[in-house]
Amino acid sequence: MGTLGVFVTAFRSAELMTLSDEGLAQDHVAQERVSLTRLIKRVARHYGRRLSSVAEDIRVSFPEKEMFVKGDDAMLSTALANVIDNAVKYSSQGEPVWVVCKSERSLCVIEISNVGVVGIRPEEEVRVFEPYYRGSGSAAAYHRQGTGLGLFVAKRVVHAIHGTIELSSSAMGGGYYRVTVKITLPKV
């Protein structure tokens, strides 16, 4: 991401932080028809170009039919980028990040998952969405920088367009964990 991109992302994060504790008000979010399929491809392509040596790649899966949600394209891009950034950051060497998008009745479901040596304890699965909170093993295991705002911002954006976001972590054996962030949004 260029200097301008970092500035815009930082400004947007600061802007989101100043809003009420109840979350973003509906009038703060543009209500445009957004192609979720195109948005995810765009964000994944952006991250695919700047992958570190940690994650092998980003693999994306979609249904054949394009899916649309109502919301703010830029805010949704920021939310998705924050989640993908975490997945890339905490993936084990050579492991891909998966972005799976599927349709379930009147909902669009996006699951972003990675495999790494850092899992999230059950009592932390809700706390990771709090501002400035970082999982207890995150910094020590990977020596990664972060502010603890990425998932917080993602949650605010998703809730503003009547969606949900949750995290789950499961042990895979051999000291590895699969961490999945599930975002559910109403279809248009």
Protein backbone atom coordinates (compact mmCIF):
# COMPACT_ATOMS: atom_id res chain seq x y z
CA MET A 1 0.00 0.00 0.00
CA GLY A 2 1.37 3.42 -0.91
CA THR A 3 1.75 6.37 1.44
CA LEU A 4 -1.62 7.75 0.39
CA GLY A 5 -3.30 4.38 1.01
CA VAL A 6 -1.79 4.16 4.49
CA PHE A 7 -2.91 7.73 5.25
CA VAL A 8 -6.46 7.09 4.00
CA THR A 9 -6.69 3.84 5.98
CA ALA A 10 -5.34 5.53 9.13
CA PHE A 11 -7.70 8.47 8.65
CA ARG A 12 -10.68 6.15 8.12
CA SER A 13 -9.74 4.14 11.22
CA ALA A 14 -9.48 7.33 13.29
CA GLU A 15 -12.80 8.52 11.85
CA LEU A 16 -14.47 5.21 12.81
CA MET A 17 -12.98 5.36 16.32
CA THR A 18 -14.58 8.73 17.02
CA LEU A 19 -18.09 7.49 16.33
CA SER A 20 -20.43 6.41 19.10
CA ASP A 21 -19.95 3.20 21.07
CA GLU A 22 -23.18 1.86 19.56
CA GLY A 23 -21.38 1.62 16.24
CA LEU A 24 -21.65 3.50 12.98
CA ALA A 25 -24.97 5.18 12.46
CA GLN A 26 -26.81 4.28 9.26
CA ASP A 27 -26.41 7.87 8.03
CA HIS A 28 -22.59 7.57 8.21
CA VAL A 29 -22.58 4.70 5.71
CA ALA A 30 -23.30 5.16 2.02
CA GLN A 31 -26.12 2.89 0.98
CA GLU A 32 -25.01 1.86 -2.48
CA ARG A 33 -25.33 -1.47 -4.22
CA VAL A 34 -21.93 -3.14 -3.94
CA SER A 35 -20.80 -6.23 -5.84
CA LEU A 36 -19.36 -8.32 -3.05
CA THR A 37 -17.79 -10.61 -5.62
CA ARG A 38 -15.85 -7.78 -7.30
CA LEU A 39 -14.94 -6.16 -3.97
CA ILE A 40 -13.44 -9.39 -2.58
CA LYS A 41 -11.53 -10.07 -5.80
CA ARG A 42 -10.14 -6.51 -5.76
CA VAL A 43 -9.01 -6.66 -2.12
CA ALA A 44 -7.57 -10.18 -2.48
CA ARG A 45 -5.70 -9.15 -5.66
CA HIS A 46 -4.25 -6.15 -3.82
CA TYR A 47 -3.00 -8.35 -0.98
CA GLY A 48 -1.82 -11.03 -3.38
CA ARG A 49 0.60 -8.52 -4.90
CA ARG A 50 2.11 -7.54 -1.57
CA LEU A 51 2.27 -10.85 0.26
CA SER A 52 5.19 -11.27 2.55
CA SER A 53 7.16 -14.46 2.69
CA VAL A 54 4.75 -15.66 5.38
CA ALA A 55 1.57 -16.58 3.53
CA GLU A 56 1.94 -18.55 0.32
CA ASP A 57 -1.01 -16.91 -1.40
CA ILE A 58 -4.63 -15.91 -1.10
CA ARG A 59 -7.13 -18.39 -2.50
CA VAL A 60 -10.61 -17.14 -3.27
CA SER A 61 -13.78 -19.17 -3.88
CA PHE A 62 -17.15 -17.78 -5.06
CA PRO A 63 -20.52 -19.04 -6.18
CA GLU A 64 -21.14 -18.68 -9.92
CA LYS A 65 -23.79 -16.00 -9.46
CA GLU A 66 -22.53 -12.54 -8.52
CA MET A 67 -23.65 -11.37 -5.06
CA PHE A 68 -24.59 -7.84 -4.01
CA VAL A 69 -24.94 -6.12 -0.65
CA LYS A 70 -26.02 -2.62 0.31
CA GLY A 71 -23.33 -0.53 1.96
CA ASP A 72 -20.29 1.64 1.45
CA ASP A 73 -17.74 0.16 -0.99
CA ALA A 74 -14.76 1.96 0.59
CA MET A 75 -15.72 1.00 4.15
CA LEU A 76 -16.38 -2.62 3.18
CA SER A 77 -13.01 -2.69 1.40
CA THR A 78 -11.31 -1.41 4.57
CA ALA A 79 -13.11 -3.99 6.74
CA LEU A 80 -12.23 -6.88 4.44
CA ALA A 81 -8.64 -5.67 4.03
CA ASN A 82 -8.23 -5.54 7.82
CA VAL A 83 -9.42 -9.15 8.21
CA ILE A 84 -7.28 -10.42 5.31
CA ASP A 85 -4.28 -8.50 6.69
CA ASN A 86 -4.61 -10.34 10.02
CA ALA A 87 -4.92 -13.69 8.26
CA VAL A 88 -1.83 -13.02 6.14
CA LYS A 89 0.10 -11.71 9.15
CA TYR A 90 -0.53 -14.81 11.28
CA SER A 91 -0.33 -17.56 8.64
CA SER A 92 2.43 -20.11 8.97
CA GLN A 93 5.17 -20.18 6.36
CA GLY A 94 3.81 -21.52 3.07
CA GLU A 95 0.17 -21.69 4.18
CA PRO A 96 -2.45 -19.98 2.00
CA VAL A 97 -5.12 -17.63 3.28
CA TRP A 98 -8.59 -18.76 2.20
CA VAL A 99 -11.40 -16.32 1.35
CA VAL A 100 -14.56 -18.31 0.74
CA CYS A 101 -17.72 -16.49 -0.27
CA LYS A 102 -21.03 -18.32 -0.40
CA SER A 103 -24.73 -17.66 -0.60
CA GLU A 104 -27.04 -18.90 2.14
CA ARG A 105 -30.68 -17.98 1.49
CA SER A 106 -30.88 -14.18 1.84
CA LEU A 107 -27.31 -13.84 3.14
CA CYS A 108 -23.80 -13.49 1.77
CA VAL A 109 -21.29 -15.34 3.92
CA ILE A 110 -17.56 -14.61 3.73
CA GLU A 111 -15.12 -16.82 5.62
CA ILE A 112 -11.49 -15.74 5.83
CA SER A 113 -9.27 -18.41 7.33
CA ASN A 114 -5.62 -19.13 7.92
CA VAL A 115 -3.50 -21.80 9.55
CA GLY A 116 -0.77 -20.83 11.98
CA VAL A 117 0.85 -21.57 15.32
CA VAL A 118 -1.21 -18.84 17.00
CA GLY A 119 -4.70 -19.82 18.02
CA ILE A 120 -7.24 -17.68 19.82
CA ARG A 121 -8.42 -18.95 23.19
CA PRO A 122 -12.23 -19.25 23.49
CA GLU A 123 -12.38 -16.43 26.05
CA GLU A 124 -10.57 -14.15 23.57
CA GLU A 125 -12.77 -14.87 20.52
CA VAL A 126 -15.07 -11.95 21.37
CA ARG A 127 -12.35 -9.71 22.84
CA VAL A 128 -10.36 -9.57 19.58
CA PHE A 129 -13.05 -7.16 18.30
CA GLU A 130 -12.37 -4.68 21.13
CA PRO A 131 -10.24 -1.62 20.31
CA TYR A 132 -6.49 -2.08 20.88
CA TYR A 133 -6.87 -5.72 21.93
CA ARG A 134 -4.44 -8.22 20.45
CA GLY A 135 -4.64 -11.93 21.15
CA SER A 136 -2.38 -13.07 23.98
CA GLY A 137 -0.09 -15.11 21.71
CA SER A 138 -0.06 -12.89 18.63
CA ALA A 139 2.91 -10.58 19.14
CA ALA A 140 5.14 -13.14 20.88
CA ALA A 141 4.67 -15.92 18.32
CA TYR A 142 5.10 -13.89 15.15
CA HIS A 143 6.80 -10.64 16.19
CA ARG A 144 4.22 -8.75 14.13
CA GLN A 145 3.39 -5.11 14.58
CA GLY A 146 -0.21 -4.00 14.93
CA THR A 147 -2.51 -1.59 16.69
CA GLY A 148 -5.33 -3.91 17.66
CA LEU A 149 -7.78 -1.80 15.61
CA GLY A 150 -8.23 -3.92 12.47
CA LEU A 151 -10.95 -6.28 13.69
CA PHE A 152 -12.56 -3.51 15.73
CA VAL A 153 -12.97 -1.38 12.60
CA ALA A 154 -14.20 -4.40 10.61
CA LYS A 155 -16.86 -5.09 13.24
CA ARG A 156 -18.11 -1.50 13.22
CA VAL A 157 -18.44 -1.47 9.44
CA VAL A 158 -20.15 -4.87 9.27
CA HIS A 159 -22.64 -3.96 12.01
CA ALA A 160 -23.43 -0.64 10.29
CA ILE A 161 -24.83 -2.54 7.31
CA HIS A 162 -26.77 -5.00 9.46
CA GLY A 163 -24.23 -7.80 9.24
CA THR A 164 -22.48 -9.97 11.78
CA ILE A 165 -18.83 -10.88 12.29
CA GLU A 166 -17.40 -13.61 14.49
CA LEU A 167 -14.13 -15.43 14.99
CA SER A 168 -13.47 -19.07 15.74
CA SER A 169 -10.24 -20.91 16.38
CA SER A 170 -9.72 -24.66 16.35
CA ALA A 171 -6.69 -26.83 17.05
CA MET A 172 -5.53 -28.90 14.08
CA GLY A 173 -2.84 -30.92 15.84
CA GLY A 174 0.91 -30.56 15.70
CA GLY A 175 0.70 -27.12 17.36
CA TYR A 176 -1.27 -25.59 14.47
CA TYR A 177 -4.59 -23.77 14.60
CA ARG A 178 -7.16 -22.75 12.01
CA VAL A 179 -8.53 -19.27 12.70
CA THR A 180 -11.65 -18.25 10.77
CA VAL A 181 -13.42 -14.90 10.68
CA LYS A 182 -16.99 -15.26 9.40
CA ILE A 183 -18.77 -12.19 8.04
CA THR A 184 -22.48 -12.46 7.23
CA LEU A 185 -24.21 -9.69 5.25
CA PRO A 186 -27.77 -9.36 3.94
CA LYS A 187 -28.08 -9.68 0.16
CA VAL A 188 -29.67 -7.00 -2.00
